[in-house]
Amino acid sequence: MVLSIIICSYNRASYISDALDSLYTQTAGLDCFEAIIVDNNSTDNTAEVFAQWRVAHPKGAITYLTESKQGASFARNTGAAKANGDWLCFMDDDAVATPDYVKNIIIHIAAKPKAVGFGGRIIPKYVPAEPKWMSYYVSSLVGNFDYAPTACAFAPGKYPLESNMIVKKDIYEQIGGFNTNLPGVVGTLRIGGEGKELFYKILSLGHTIYYDPSICVYHVVEVKKLTSEYMYRVASGIGRGEKTRTLTISKGAYLKKIIEYIFKLGAAVILGIKYILQLSPAKAWPVIQFRIDALKGLFD
C-alpha cells in the first residue's frame, strides 16, 4: 500500500464524519489508501460517532485506535506505528479533503521519486463567516496555509503545516517521528512546533521538502471559538514550542530566537499602523497581540 492517512482526533465528534466522508469519496478510490483514526482521550461521543459512521460506510481499510497519552505528537506516532503505507499523510479531524486529494498525493509521489516529504494547501472554512479582524498574518493561527500558486520546493526555513503534511515512513522512523516534548495541545496548555522540528530534522539529512497546492484540504474554523483565550493559547504555544526546541540546541539558539521575536513584534506594530492608515483598524491589534502572545510563550 502506498499511502496511510492518519487523523488524530480529540473531542471533534461534530466534525469527524465530514473528514471521513471526504476520504471515503476520493476520486482515487478506496483501494489506494488506508485511513487510521487515533482517538486521543476524547470525552465526547467521538467513538460512538465513528462506530455509526463505519456501519454506514463499510468499505475500505479504515481503522480506529486510541492513544491515552495526551497530545497530537503521541497520537500521530501511534497511528504511524500501525500504518502499512510507504507514505504517512497527516490530516486534522476538522479538515475536509478535496475530492482529488489522494490522487494528487500519488501523482506528486510518482513525479518526485527522490522526495521524502511534502505538504499542501490549507483553506480556512470560517463558520459562519470570516471575522473582519482576521488578516493574512493572523490567519496562520487558524491553519491558513497558501505557500505558493504552483508546486515548488520550500525555501530554507519554510515547511508544511501539520494538518496537511506527507512524509515517507522510513524517513519518519529514521528521525524518530514527532518529538513528544512538543506534544501540541495538552488540556489547556499548548506546546507547538512539532511539525517544524520534524521537517527541520529531515532537512538536516540533506533532503528537499516540497509544496503542492493541488494537495488541498479545507479546515473548519468556528468563529465563536476564536476568543482571546483561544488565540493566546495558540500563539503562546508557538513561542513555548520554540523555547523547548531551541534550548535543546543551545542557550545561544534560544537567545537568538528571543531577539528574532522582539524584531517580529516591532514589525507587527508597524503592520498594525499600516492597517489603521488603510482604514482597516479592526485588523491592527490582533496582529500585534499575536506577536506579544508568542513572545510570552517564549518566556513561559
C-alpha atoms as a PDB file:
ATOM      1  CA  MET A   1       0.000   0.000   0.000  1.00  0.00           C
ATOM      2  CA  VAL A   2       1.298   3.432  -0.944  1.00  0.00           C
ATOM      3  CA  LEU A   3      -0.477   5.769   1.476  1.00  0.00           C
ATOM      4  CA  SER A   4      -1.663   5.773   5.097  1.00  0.00           C
ATOM      5  CA  ILE A   5      -3.792   8.769   6.121  1.00  0.00           C
ATOM      6  CA  ILE A   6      -3.647   9.395   9.866  1.00  0.00           C
ATOM      7  CA  ILE A   7      -6.274  11.533  11.586  1.00  0.00           C
ATOM      8  CA  CYS A   8      -5.764  12.296  15.267  1.00  0.00           C
ATOM      9  CA  SER A   9      -8.999  13.260  16.995  1.00  0.00           C
ATOM     10  CA  TYR A  10      -9.803  14.971  20.266  1.00  0.00           C
ATOM     11  CA  ASN A  11     -13.402  15.934  21.045  1.00  0.00           C
ATOM     12  CA  ARG A  12     -14.380  16.605  17.438  1.00  0.00           C
ATOM     13  CA  ALA A  13     -17.447  14.381  17.211  1.00  0.00           C
ATOM     14  CA  SER A  14     -19.231  17.184  15.357  1.00  0.00           C
ATOM     15  CA  TYR A  15     -16.707  17.175  12.507  1.00  0.00           C
ATOM     16  CA  ILE A  16     -15.084  13.759  12.264  1.00  0.00           C
ATOM     17  CA  SER A  17     -17.824  12.411   9.980  1.00  0.00           C
ATOM     18  CA  ASP A  18     -17.196  15.176   7.433  1.00  0.00           C
ATOM     19  CA  ALA A  19     -13.488  14.388   7.437  1.00  0.00           C
ATOM     20  CA  LEU A  20     -14.189  10.696   6.923  1.00  0.00           C
ATOM     21  CA  ASP A  21     -16.778  11.383   4.226  1.00  0.00           C
ATOM     22  CA  SER A  22     -14.219  13.398   2.285  1.00  0.00           C
ATOM     23  CA  LEU A  23     -11.841  10.434   2.289  1.00  0.00           C
ATOM     24  CA  TYR A  24     -14.499   7.838   1.535  1.00  0.00           C
ATOM     25  CA  THR A  25     -15.477   9.637  -1.684  1.00  0.00           C
ATOM     26  CA  GLN A  26     -11.972  10.229  -3.047  1.00  0.00           C
ATOM     27  CA  THR A  27     -11.704  10.006  -6.832  1.00  0.00           C
ATOM     28  CA  ALA A  28      -8.642   7.773  -6.460  1.00  0.00           C
ATOM     29  CA  GLY A  29     -10.767   5.061  -4.870  1.00  0.00           C
ATOM     30  CA  LEU A  30     -10.573   3.324  -1.505  1.00  0.00           C
ATOM     31  CA  ASP A  31      -8.016   0.788  -2.719  1.00  0.00           C
ATOM     32  CA  CYS A  32      -5.328   3.489  -2.950  1.00  0.00           C
ATOM     33  CA  PHE A  33      -5.012   4.245   0.770  1.00  0.00           C
ATOM     34  CA  GLU A  34      -5.837   3.285   4.310  1.00  0.00           C
ATOM     35  CA  ALA A  35      -7.189   5.649   6.967  1.00  0.00           C
ATOM     36  CA  ILE A  36      -6.234   5.407  10.637  1.00  0.00           C
ATOM     37  CA  ILE A  37      -8.241   7.362  13.203  1.00  0.00           C
ATOM     38  CA  VAL A  38      -6.487   7.836  16.554  1.00  0.00           C
ATOM     39  CA  ASP A  39      -8.788   8.927  19.373  1.00  0.00           C
ATOM     40  CA  ASN A  40      -6.637  10.899  21.800  1.00  0.00           C
ATOM     41  CA  ASN A  41      -8.702  10.673  25.025  1.00  0.00           C
ATOM     42  CA  SER A  42     -11.865  12.262  23.649  1.00  0.00           C
ATOM     43  CA  THR A  43     -14.507  12.870  26.334  1.00  0.00           C
ATOM     44  CA  ASP A  44     -17.334  13.453  23.855  1.00  0.00           C
ATOM     45  CA  ASN A  45     -19.055  10.790  21.741  1.00  0.00           C
ATOM     46  CA  THR A  46     -16.362  10.571  19.060  1.00  0.00           C
ATOM     47  CA  ALA A  47     -16.147   6.772  19.423  1.00  0.00           C
ATOM     48  CA  GLU A  48     -19.903   6.384  19.011  1.00  0.00           C
ATOM     49  CA  VAL A  49     -19.997   8.701  16.003  1.00  0.00           C
ATOM     50  CA  PHE A  50     -17.209   6.755  14.326  1.00  0.00           C
ATOM     51  CA  ALA A  51     -18.897   3.403  15.023  1.00  0.00           C
ATOM     52  CA  GLN A  52     -22.154   4.613  13.474  1.00  0.00           C
ATOM     53  CA  TRP A  53     -20.318   6.096  10.507  1.00  0.00           C
ATOM     54  CA  ARG A  54     -18.396   2.879   9.923  1.00  0.00           C
ATOM     55  CA  VAL A  55     -21.558   0.780   9.845  1.00  0.00           C
ATOM     56  CA  ALA A  56     -22.897   3.068   7.112  1.00  0.00           C
ATOM     57  CA  HIS A  57     -19.547   3.068   5.271  1.00  0.00           C
ATOM     58  CA  PRO A  58     -18.188  -0.498   5.456  1.00  0.00           C
ATOM     59  CA  LYS A  59     -15.763  -0.420   2.529  1.00  0.00           C
ATOM     60  CA  GLY A  60     -12.053   0.412   2.582  1.00  0.00           C
ATOM     61  CA  ALA A  61      -9.243  -0.065   5.108  1.00  0.00           C
ATOM     62  CA  ILE A  62     -10.312   2.280   7.901  1.00  0.00           C
ATOM     63  CA  THR A  63      -9.058   1.611  11.435  1.00  0.00           C
ATOM     64  CA  TYR A  64      -9.956   3.190  14.787  1.00  0.00           C
ATOM     65  CA  LEU A  65      -7.301   3.318  17.524  1.00  0.00           C
ATOM     66  CA  THR A  66      -6.933   5.020  20.896  1.00  0.00           C
ATOM     67  CA  GLU A  67      -3.935   6.742  22.486  1.00  0.00           C
ATOM     68  CA  SER A  68      -4.125   7.590  26.193  1.00  0.00           C
ATOM     69  CA  LYS A  69      -1.073   9.882  26.306  1.00  0.00           C
ATOM     70  CA  GLN A  70      -2.431  13.338  25.628  1.00  0.00           C
ATOM     71  CA  GLY A  71      -1.038  15.346  22.741  1.00  0.00           C
ATOM     72  CA  ALA A  72      -1.078  15.179  18.957  1.00  0.00           C
ATOM     73  CA  SER A  73       2.546  14.017  18.768  1.00  0.00           C
ATOM     74  CA  PHE A  74       1.742  10.918  20.832  1.00  0.00           C
ATOM     75  CA  ALA A  75      -1.358  10.203  18.759  1.00  0.00           C
ATOM     76  CA  ARG A  76       0.393  10.715  15.422  1.00  0.00           C
ATOM     77  CA  ASN A  77       3.225   8.406  16.449  1.00  0.00           C
ATOM     78  CA  THR A  78       0.709   5.741  17.476  1.00  0.00           C
ATOM     79  CA  GLY A  79      -1.026   5.979  14.107  1.00  0.00           C
ATOM     80  CA  ALA A  80       2.281   5.870  12.254  1.00  0.00           C
ATOM     81  CA  ALA A  81       3.364   2.737  14.121  1.00  0.00           C
ATOM     82  CA  LYS A  82       0.254   0.913  12.886  1.00  0.00           C
ATOM     83  CA  ALA A  83       0.450   2.259   9.329  1.00  0.00           C
ATOM     84  CA  ASN A  84       1.028  -0.115   6.431  1.00  0.00           C
ATOM     85  CA  GLY A  85       1.733   2.551   3.814  1.00  0.00           C
ATOM     86  CA  ASP A  86       5.092   3.608   2.437  1.00  0.00           C
ATOM     87  CA  TRP A  87       3.962   7.192   2.981  1.00  0.00           C
ATOM     88  CA  LEU A  88       2.295   8.797   6.008  1.00  0.00           C
ATOM     89  CA  CYS A  89      -0.238  11.568   5.449  1.00  0.00           C
ATOM     90  CA  PHE A  90      -1.418  13.604   8.440  1.00  0.00           C
ATOM     91  CA  MET A  91      -4.794  15.346   8.309  1.00  0.00           C
ATOM     92  CA  ASP A  92      -6.814  17.060  11.043  1.00  0.00           C
ATOM     93  CA  ASP A  93     -10.120  15.785  12.389  1.00  0.00           C
ATOM     94  CA  ASP A  94     -11.864  19.038  11.449  1.00  0.00           C
ATOM     95  CA  ALA A  95     -10.457  19.121   7.923  1.00  0.00           C
ATOM     96  CA  VAL A  96     -12.195  18.140   4.696  1.00  0.00           C
ATOM     97  CA  ALA A  97     -10.075  16.772   1.857  1.00  0.00           C
ATOM     98  CA  THR A  98     -10.832  17.925  -1.667  1.00  0.00           C
ATOM     99  CA  PRO A  99     -12.062  15.125  -3.996  1.00  0.00           C
ATOM    100  CA  ASP A 100      -8.691  14.696  -5.761  1.00  0.00           C
ATOM    101  CA  TYR A 101      -6.638  14.874  -2.567  1.00  0.00           C
ATOM    102  CA  VAL A 102      -5.351  11.290  -2.628  1.00  0.00           C
ATOM    103  CA  LYS A 103      -4.966  11.248  -6.400  1.00  0.00           C
ATOM    104  CA  ASN A 104      -2.805  14.372  -6.317  1.00  0.00           C
ATOM    105  CA  ILE A 105      -0.660  12.966  -3.494  1.00  0.00           C
ATOM    106  CA  ILE A 106       0.008   9.847  -5.541  1.00  0.00           C
ATOM    107  CA  ILE A 107       0.783  11.932  -8.637  1.00  0.00           C
ATOM    108  CA  HIS A 108       3.245  14.019  -6.618  1.00  0.00           C
ATOM    109  CA  ILE A 109       4.970  10.891  -5.267  1.00  0.00           C
ATOM    110  CA  ALA A 110       5.335   9.474  -8.784  1.00  0.00           C
ATOM    111  CA  ALA A 111       6.643  12.771 -10.177  1.00  0.00           C
ATOM    112  CA  LYS A 112       9.337  13.132  -7.488  1.00  0.00           C
ATOM    113  CA  PRO A 113      10.732   9.675  -6.760  1.00  0.00           C
ATOM    114  CA  LYS A 114      13.549  11.089  -4.599  1.00  0.00           C
ATOM    115  CA  ALA A 115      11.236  13.189  -2.421  1.00  0.00           C
ATOM    116  CA  VAL A 116      10.722  12.185   1.201  1.00  0.00           C
ATOM    117  CA  GLY A 117       8.378  14.909   2.439  1.00  0.00           C
ATOM    118  CA  PHE A 118       5.903  17.461   1.159  1.00  0.00           C
ATOM    119  CA  GLY A 119       2.759  19.348   2.084  1.00  0.00           C
ATOM    120  CA  GLY A 120      -0.173  21.127   0.551  1.00  0.00           C
ATOM    121  CA  ARG A 121      -2.615  23.972   0.808  1.00  0.00           C
ATOM    122  CA  ILE A 122      -4.978  24.570   3.741  1.00  0.00           C
ATOM    123  CA  ILE A 123      -8.011  26.807   3.212  1.00  0.00           C
ATOM    124  CA  PRO A 124      -9.901  28.043   6.300  1.00  0.00           C
ATOM    125  CA  LYS A 125     -13.640  27.439   6.191  1.00  0.00           C
ATOM    126  CA  TYR A 126     -14.976  30.058   8.563  1.00  0.00           C
ATOM    127  CA  VAL A 127     -18.289  29.235  10.248  1.00  0.00           C
ATOM    128  CA  PRO A 128     -20.371  31.283   9.703  1.00  0.00           C
ATOM    129  CA  ALA A 129     -18.031  33.837   8.072  1.00  0.00           C
ATOM    130  CA  GLU A 130     -14.515  35.259   8.304  1.00  0.00           C
ATOM    131  CA  PRO A 131     -14.351  37.866  11.097  1.00  0.00           C
ATOM    132  CA  LYS A 132     -13.496  41.383   9.988  1.00  0.00           C
ATOM    133  CA  TRP A 133     -10.476  41.491  12.301  1.00  0.00           C
ATOM    134  CA  MET A 134      -8.873  38.485  10.597  1.00  0.00           C
ATOM    135  CA  SER A 135      -5.829  39.232   8.447  1.00  0.00           C
ATOM    136  CA  TYR A 136      -3.421  37.136   6.417  1.00  0.00           C
ATOM    137  CA  TYR A 137      -0.833  37.300   9.210  1.00  0.00           C
ATOM    138  CA  VAL A 138      -3.194  36.162  11.964  1.00  0.00           C
ATOM    139  CA  SER A 139      -4.973  33.550   9.834  1.00  0.00           C
ATOM    140  CA  SER A 140      -1.955  31.254  10.108  1.00  0.00           C
ATOM    141  CA  LEU A 141      -3.064  30.660  13.714  1.00  0.00           C
ATOM    142  CA  VAL A 142      -6.252  29.020  12.423  1.00  0.00           C
ATOM    143  CA  GLY A 143      -4.478  26.929   9.804  1.00  0.00           C
ATOM    144  CA  ASN A 144      -4.487  29.131   6.722  1.00  0.00           C
ATOM    145  CA  PHE A 145      -1.598  27.993   4.524  1.00  0.00           C
ATOM    146  CA  ASP A 146      -1.110  29.003   0.899  1.00  0.00           C
ATOM    147  CA  TYR A 147       2.636  28.987   0.307  1.00  0.00           C
ATOM    148  CA  ALA A 148       2.787  29.354  -3.485  1.00  0.00           C
ATOM    149  CA  PRO A 149       0.445  29.302  -6.503  1.00  0.00           C
ATOM    150  CA  THR A 150       2.275  26.388  -8.124  1.00  0.00           C
ATOM    151  CA  ALA A 151       4.189  23.310  -6.973  1.00  0.00           C
ATOM    152  CA  CYS A 152       7.724  24.097  -5.795  1.00  0.00           C
ATOM    153  CA  ALA A 153      10.399  23.359  -3.223  1.00  0.00           C
ATOM    154  CA  PHE A 154      10.120  25.127   0.113  1.00  0.00           C
ATOM    155  CA  ALA A 155      12.658  27.873   0.704  1.00  0.00           C
ATOM    156  CA  PRO A 156      15.130  27.337   3.588  1.00  0.00           C
ATOM    157  CA  GLY A 157      13.337  27.633   6.923  1.00  0.00           C
ATOM    158  CA  LYS A 158       9.890  27.006   5.416  1.00  0.00           C
ATOM    159  CA  TYR A 159       7.879  23.824   5.862  1.00  0.00           C
ATOM    160  CA  PRO A 160       4.320  22.381   5.643  1.00  0.00           C
ATOM    161  CA  LEU A 161       1.778  22.606   8.447  1.00  0.00           C
ATOM    162  CA  GLU A 162       0.931  19.503  10.460  1.00  0.00           C
ATOM    163  CA  SER A 163      -2.687  19.355   9.272  1.00  0.00           C
ATOM    164  CA  ASN A 164      -1.674  18.657   5.670  1.00  0.00           C
ATOM    165  CA  MET A 165       1.729  17.036   5.517  1.00  0.00           C
ATOM    166  CA  ILE A 166       3.053  13.859   3.932  1.00  0.00           C
ATOM    167  CA  VAL A 167       6.260  12.066   4.937  1.00  0.00           C
ATOM    168  CA  LYS A 168       7.889   8.863   3.739  1.00  0.00           C
ATOM    169  CA  LYS A 169       7.529   6.306   6.522  1.00  0.00           C
ATOM    170  CA  ASP A 170      11.130   5.086   6.552  1.00  0.00           C
ATOM    171  CA  ILE A 171      12.400   8.665   6.958  1.00  0.00           C
ATOM    172  CA  TYR A 172       9.797   9.314   9.660  1.00  0.00           C
ATOM    173  CA  GLU A 173      11.053   6.288  11.562  1.00  0.00           C
ATOM    174  CA  GLN A 174      14.700   7.238  10.971  1.00  0.00           C
ATOM    175  CA  ILE A 175      14.256  10.604  12.697  1.00  0.00           C
ATOM    176  CA  GLY A 176      12.122   9.147  15.485  1.00  0.00           C
ATOM    177  CA  GLY A 177       8.744  10.540  14.431  1.00  0.00           C
ATOM    178  CA  PHE A 178       7.238  13.507  16.248  1.00  0.00           C
ATOM    179  CA  ASN A 179       9.057  14.808  19.307  1.00  0.00           C
ATOM    180  CA  THR A 180       6.732  14.155  22.258  1.00  0.00           C
ATOM    181  CA  ASN A 181       8.376  17.017  24.158  1.00  0.00           C
ATOM    182  CA  LEU A 182       6.413  19.104  21.648  1.00  0.00           C
ATOM    183  CA  PRO A 183       3.065  17.361  22.143  1.00  0.00           C
ATOM    184  CA  GLY A 184       0.709  20.004  20.783  1.00  0.00           C
ATOM    185  CA  VAL A 185      -2.369  20.566  22.950  1.00  0.00           C
ATOM    186  CA  VAL A 186      -2.416  19.002  26.412  1.00  0.00           C
ATOM    187  CA  GLY A 187      -5.507  20.163  28.302  1.00  0.00           C
ATOM    188  CA  THR A 188      -5.462  23.959  28.192  1.00  0.00           C
ATOM    189  CA  LEU A 189      -1.707  24.130  27.523  1.00  0.00           C
ATOM    190  CA  ARG A 190      -0.189  24.130  24.072  1.00  0.00           C
ATOM    191  CA  ILE A 191       3.440  23.370  23.222  1.00  0.00           C
ATOM    192  CA  GLY A 192       3.584  23.539  19.442  1.00  0.00           C
ATOM    193  CA  GLY A 193       6.151  23.363  16.694  1.00  0.00           C
ATOM    194  CA  GLU A 194       6.213  19.586  16.365  1.00  0.00           C
ATOM    195  CA  GLY A 195       5.866  19.709  12.590  1.00  0.00           C
ATOM    196  CA  LYS A 196       8.560  22.347  12.267  1.00  0.00           C
ATOM    197  CA  GLU A 197      11.036  20.257  14.230  1.00  0.00           C
ATOM    198  CA  LEU A 198      10.208  17.116  12.257  1.00  0.00           C
ATOM    199  CA  PHE A 199      10.858  18.833   8.930  1.00  0.00           C
ATOM    200  CA  TYR A 200      13.989  20.534  10.232  1.00  0.00           C
ATOM    201  CA  LYS A 201      15.334  17.068  11.053  1.00  0.00           C
ATOM    202  CA  ILE A 202      14.516  15.911   7.526  1.00  0.00           C
ATOM    203  CA  LEU A 203      16.229  18.967   6.061  1.00  0.00           C
ATOM    204  CA  SER A 204      19.301  18.310   8.208  1.00  0.00           C
ATOM    205  CA  LEU A 205      19.664  14.986   6.403  1.00  0.00           C
ATOM    206  CA  GLY A 206      20.055  16.873   3.129  1.00  0.00           C
ATOM    207  CA  HIS A 207      16.568  16.326   1.730  1.00  0.00           C
ATOM    208  CA  THR A 208      14.332  18.876  -0.014  1.00  0.00           C
ATOM    209  CA  ILE A 209      10.770  19.493   1.168  1.00  0.00           C
ATOM    210  CA  TYR A 210       8.143  20.261  -1.465  1.00  0.00           C
ATOM    211  CA  TYR A 211       4.848  22.131  -1.657  1.00  0.00           C
ATOM    212  CA  ASP A 212       1.955  21.282  -3.953  1.00  0.00           C
ATOM    213  CA  PRO A 213      -1.208  23.453  -3.788  1.00  0.00           C
ATOM    214  CA  SER A 214      -3.245  20.788  -5.598  1.00  0.00           C
ATOM    215  CA  ILE A 215      -2.974  18.694  -2.417  1.00  0.00           C
ATOM    216  CA  CYS A 216      -5.628  20.683  -0.615  1.00  0.00           C
ATOM    217  CA  VAL A 217      -7.885  20.481   2.425  1.00  0.00           C
ATOM    218  CA  TYR A 218     -10.464  22.820   3.929  1.00  0.00           C
ATOM    219  CA  HIS A 219     -10.061  23.477   7.637  1.00  0.00           C
ATOM    220  CA  VAL A 220     -13.194  24.279   9.655  1.00  0.00           C
ATOM    221  CA  VAL A 221     -12.849  27.380  11.852  1.00  0.00           C
ATOM    222  CA  GLU A 222     -15.737  28.139  14.200  1.00  0.00           C
ATOM    223  CA  VAL A 223     -15.627  31.895  14.637  1.00  0.00           C
ATOM    224  CA  LYS A 224     -17.413  31.694  18.014  1.00  0.00           C
ATOM    225  CA  LYS A 225     -14.394  29.804  19.374  1.00  0.00           C
ATOM    226  CA  LEU A 226     -11.895  32.468  18.307  1.00  0.00           C
ATOM    227  CA  THR A 227     -11.813  34.071  21.743  1.00  0.00           C
ATOM    228  CA  SER A 228      -8.841  35.977  23.097  1.00  0.00           C
ATOM    229  CA  GLU A 229      -8.109  32.981  25.339  1.00  0.00           C
ATOM    230  CA  TYR A 230      -8.061  30.619  22.353  1.00  0.00           C
ATOM    231  CA  MET A 231      -5.847  32.878  20.259  1.00  0.00           C
ATOM    232  CA  TYR A 232      -3.481  33.311  23.210  1.00  0.00           C
ATOM    233  CA  ARG A 233      -3.242  29.540  23.653  1.00  0.00           C
ATOM    234  CA  VAL A 234      -2.312  29.031  20.013  1.00  0.00           C
ATOM    235  CA  ALA A 235       0.116  31.975  19.738  1.00  0.00           C
ATOM    236  CA  SER A 236       1.816  31.353  23.082  1.00  0.00           C
ATOM    237  CA  GLY A 237       2.039  27.671  22.162  1.00  0.00           C
ATOM    238  CA  ILE A 238       4.187  28.614  19.189  1.00  0.00           C
ATOM    239  CA  GLY A 239       6.563  30.521  21.449  1.00  0.00           C
ATOM    240  CA  ARG A 240       6.512  27.783  24.093  1.00  0.00           C
ATOM    241  CA  GLY A 241       7.414  25.207  21.474  1.00  0.00           C
ATOM    242  CA  GLU A 242      10.245  27.336  20.122  1.00  0.00           C
ATOM    243  CA  LYS A 243      11.645  27.666  23.646  1.00  0.00           C
ATOM    244  CA  THR A 244      11.659  23.883  24.019  1.00  0.00           C
ATOM    245  CA  ARG A 245      13.118  23.314  20.567  1.00  0.00           C
ATOM    246  CA  THR A 246      15.881  25.935  20.721  1.00  0.00           C
ATOM    247  CA  LEU A 247      17.003  25.132  24.269  1.00  0.00           C
ATOM    248  CA  THR A 248      17.540  21.573  23.079  1.00  0.00           C
ATOM    249  CA  ILE A 249      20.062  23.031  20.620  1.00  0.00           C
ATOM    250  CA  SER A 250      21.757  25.571  22.911  1.00  0.00           C
ATOM    251  CA  LYS A 251      21.136  28.606  25.115  1.00  0.00           C
ATOM    252  CA  GLY A 252      22.553  30.690  22.279  1.00  0.00           C
ATOM    253  CA  ALA A 253      19.880  29.410  19.911  1.00  0.00           C
ATOM    254  CA  TYR A 254      17.215  30.323  22.474  1.00  0.00           C
ATOM    255  CA  LEU A 255      18.654  33.842  22.886  1.00  0.00           C
ATOM    256  CA  LYS A 256      18.719  34.259  19.119  1.00  0.00           C
ATOM    257  CA  LYS A 257      15.041  33.273  18.978  1.00  0.00           C
ATOM    258  CA  ILE A 258      14.172  35.868  21.642  1.00  0.00           C
ATOM    259  CA  ILE A 259      15.859  38.578  19.572  1.00  0.00           C
ATOM    260  CA  GLU A 260      14.034  37.353  16.452  1.00  0.00           C
ATOM    261  CA  TYR A 261      10.671  37.515  18.227  1.00  0.00           C
ATOM    262  CA  ILE A 262      11.349  41.037  19.502  1.00  0.00           C
ATOM    263  CA  PHE A 263      12.064  42.160  15.939  1.00  0.00           C
ATOM    264  CA  LYS A 264       8.881  40.445  14.759  1.00  0.00           C
ATOM    265  CA  LEU A 265       6.907  42.286  17.428  1.00  0.00           C
ATOM    266  CA  GLY A 266       8.333  45.567  16.137  1.00  0.00           C
ATOM    267  CA  ALA A 267       7.353  44.600  12.599  1.00  0.00           C
ATOM    268  CA  ALA A 268       3.846  43.743  13.831  1.00  0.00           C
ATOM    269  CA  VAL A 269       3.491  47.237  15.344  1.00  0.00           C
ATOM    270  CA  ILE A 270       4.443  48.785  12.006  1.00  0.00           C
ATOM    271  CA  LEU A 271       1.987  46.493  10.227  1.00  0.00           C
ATOM    272  CA  GLY A 272      -0.745  47.453  12.694  1.00  0.00           C
ATOM    273  CA  ILE A 273      -0.166  51.138  11.944  1.00  0.00           C
ATOM    274  CA  LYS A 274      -0.368  50.335   8.244  1.00  0.00           C
ATOM    275  CA  TYR A 275      -3.768  48.667   8.722  1.00  0.00           C
ATOM    276  CA  ILE A 276      -5.014  51.746  10.565  1.00  0.00           C
ATOM    277  CA  LEU A 277      -3.849  54.010   7.741  1.00  0.00           C
ATOM    278  CA  GLN A 278      -5.579  51.686   5.259  1.00  0.00           C
ATOM    279  CA  LEU A 279      -8.805  52.176   7.233  1.00  0.00           C
ATOM    280  CA  SER A 280      -8.826  48.604   8.491  1.00  0.00           C
ATOM    281  CA  PRO A 281      -8.348  49.300  12.224  1.00  0.00           C
ATOM    282  CA  ALA A 282     -10.011  46.041  13.298  1.00  0.00           C
ATOM    283  CA  LYS A 283      -7.036  44.129  11.877  1.00  0.00           C
ATOM    284  CA  ALA A 284      -4.386  46.217  13.644  1.00  0.00           C
ATOM    285  CA  TRP A 285      -4.413  44.987  17.237  1.00  0.00           C
ATOM    286  CA  PRO A 286      -4.776  41.220  16.559  1.00  0.00           C
ATOM    287  CA  VAL A 287      -1.542  41.291  14.538  1.00  0.00           C
ATOM    288  CA  ILE A 288       0.302  42.945  17.436  1.00  0.00           C
ATOM    289  CA  GLN A 289      -1.365  40.725  20.042  1.00  0.00           C
ATOM    290  CA  PHE A 290      -0.247  37.626  18.131  1.00  0.00           C
ATOM    291  CA  ARG A 291       3.394  38.634  18.478  1.00  0.00           C
ATOM    292  CA  ILE A 292       3.003  39.668  22.123  1.00  0.00           C
ATOM    293  CA  ASP A 293       1.457  36.312  22.979  1.00  0.00           C
ATOM    294  CA  ALA A 294       4.118  34.380  21.049  1.00  0.00           C
ATOM    295  CA  LEU A 295       6.822  36.279  22.935  1.00  0.00           C
ATOM    296  CA  LYS A 296       5.111  35.499  26.249  1.00  0.00           C
ATOM    297  CA  GLY A 297       5.154  31.838  25.343  1.00  0.00           C
ATOM    298  CA  LEU A 298       8.841  32.047  24.583  1.00  0.00           C
ATOM    299  CA  PHE A 299       9.442  33.237  28.173  1.00  0.00           C
ATOM    300  CA  ASP A 300       6.950  30.835  29.738  1.00  0.00           C
END
